[in-house]
């Protein structure tokens, strides 16, 4: 499982932390945890959901409510093989990003 902080997520998504927090409040599927120091950390699933939310809002021009409905629709059925492949690719890309950010 990949875990990253809010700061890492801001860089990855290109949005400010307060926007990420708003999305978390509006979309209950996103559930970051707190580490021992009280900072939020995000799982691979959280990161994937946030990337999808950003795409739906910014590129597809969904409202936050529409994005939530779309996420539920996507997660409730349909092309499971394609979804699994896309999730695997996203995880790989996130891993590459997190490994490379440590080198910089």
Protein backbone atom coordinates (compact mmCIF):
# COMPACT_ATOMS: atom_id res chain seq x y z
CA UNK A 1 0.00 0.00 0.00
CA UNK A 2 1.26 3.46 -0.91
CA UNK A 3 0.81 6.23 1.62
CA UNK A 4 1.44 9.91 1.08
CA UNK A 5 0.90 13.14 2.98
CA UNK A 6 -1.33 16.07 2.11
CA UNK A 7 1.70 17.99 0.84
CA UNK A 8 2.61 15.14 -1.50
CA UNK A 9 -0.98 14.98 -2.66
CA UNK A 10 -1.08 18.74 -3.36
CA UNK A 11 1.93 18.34 -5.66
CA UNK A 12 0.56 15.21 -7.33
CA UNK A 13 -2.89 16.66 -8.01
CA UNK A 14 -1.90 20.29 -8.49
CA UNK A 15 -4.59 21.55 -6.09
CA UNK A 16 -4.40 23.17 -2.65
CA UNK A 17 -4.95 21.25 0.56
CA UNK A 18 -8.18 23.04 1.43
CA UNK A 19 -9.70 21.83 -1.84
CA UNK A 20 -8.65 18.26 -1.06
CA UNK A 21 -10.27 18.59 2.38
CA UNK A 22 -13.50 19.85 0.77
CA UNK A 23 -13.57 16.89 -1.59
CA UNK A 24 -13.03 14.53 1.35
CA UNK A 25 -16.03 16.02 3.16
CA UNK A 26 -18.27 15.79 0.11
CA UNK A 27 -17.18 12.31 -1.02
CA UNK A 28 -17.34 9.78 1.82
CA UNK A 29 -15.47 7.18 -0.25
CA UNK A 30 -12.25 9.10 0.47
CA UNK A 31 -11.09 8.25 3.99
CA UNK A 32 -7.59 9.45 4.88
CA UNK A 33 -6.14 8.31 8.18
CA UNK A 34 -4.01 10.19 10.68
CA UNK A 35 -0.48 9.08 11.45
CA UNK A 36 1.14 9.15 14.87
CA UNK A 37 1.86 12.87 14.60
CA UNK A 38 -1.69 13.81 13.60
CA UNK A 39 -0.98 14.36 9.89
CA UNK A 40 -3.32 12.96 7.29
CA UNK A 41 -2.00 10.11 5.18
CA UNK A 42 -3.70 8.76 2.08
CA UNK A 43 -3.91 5.18 0.86
CA UNK A 44 -3.52 4.15 -2.76
CA UNK A 45 -7.30 3.92 -3.04
CA UNK A 46 -7.74 7.43 -1.65
CA UNK A 47 -5.19 8.78 -4.13
CA UNK A 48 -6.89 7.03 -7.04
CA UNK A 49 -10.30 8.38 -6.00
CA UNK A 50 -8.94 11.91 -5.65
CA UNK A 51 -7.31 11.71 -9.08
CA UNK A 52 -10.64 10.57 -10.54
CA UNK A 53 -12.53 13.34 -8.72
CA UNK A 54 -10.16 15.95 -10.12
CA UNK A 55 -10.64 14.57 -13.62
CA UNK A 56 -14.42 14.55 -13.30
CA UNK A 57 -14.54 18.09 -11.91
CA UNK A 58 -11.88 19.81 -13.99
CA UNK A 59 -11.93 17.93 -17.29
CA UNK A 60 -15.43 16.53 -17.55
CA UNK A 61 -16.99 19.59 -15.82
CA UNK A 62 -19.08 17.57 -13.35
CA UNK A 63 -20.46 19.19 -10.20
CA UNK A 64 -19.25 17.66 -6.94
CA UNK A 65 -22.61 15.89 -6.61
CA UNK A 66 -22.37 14.62 -10.17
CA UNK A 67 -18.83 13.41 -9.56
CA UNK A 68 -19.99 11.49 -6.49
CA UNK A 69 -22.81 9.86 -8.48
CA UNK A 70 -20.36 8.95 -11.25
CA UNK A 71 -17.93 7.40 -8.76
CA UNK A 72 -20.72 5.29 -7.25
CA UNK A 73 -21.83 4.24 -10.73
CA UNK A 74 -18.29 3.30 -11.73
CA UNK A 75 -17.68 1.36 -8.52
CA UNK A 76 -21.00 -0.48 -8.59
CA UNK A 77 -20.52 -2.47 -11.74
CA UNK A 78 -19.60 -2.61 -15.32
CA UNK A 79 -16.28 -3.31 -16.95
CA UNK A 80 -14.44 -4.96 -14.04
CA UNK A 81 -11.46 -6.10 -16.12
CA UNK A 82 -10.87 -2.60 -17.45
CA UNK A 83 -11.27 -1.08 -13.99
CA UNK A 84 -8.78 -3.51 -12.51
CA UNK A 85 -6.25 -2.75 -15.24
CA UNK A 86 -6.67 1.00 -14.83
CA UNK A 87 -6.35 0.72 -11.04
CA UNK A 88 -3.16 -1.32 -11.46
CA UNK A 89 -1.70 1.24 -13.88
CA UNK A 90 -2.57 4.11 -11.56
CA UNK A 91 -0.93 2.34 -8.64
CA UNK A 92 2.21 1.84 -10.69
CA UNK A 93 2.30 5.49 -11.72
CA UNK A 94 1.78 6.63 -8.15
CA UNK A 95 4.60 4.34 -7.02
CA UNK A 96 6.91 5.81 -9.65
CA UNK A 97 5.99 9.35 -8.61
CA UNK A 98 6.59 8.68 -4.92
CA UNK A 99 9.93 6.94 -5.58
CA UNK A 100 11.11 9.78 -7.83
CA UNK A 101 10.09 12.55 -5.44
CA UNK A 102 12.39 11.05 -2.80
CA UNK A 103 15.32 11.29 -5.25
CA UNK A 104 14.81 14.99 -5.90
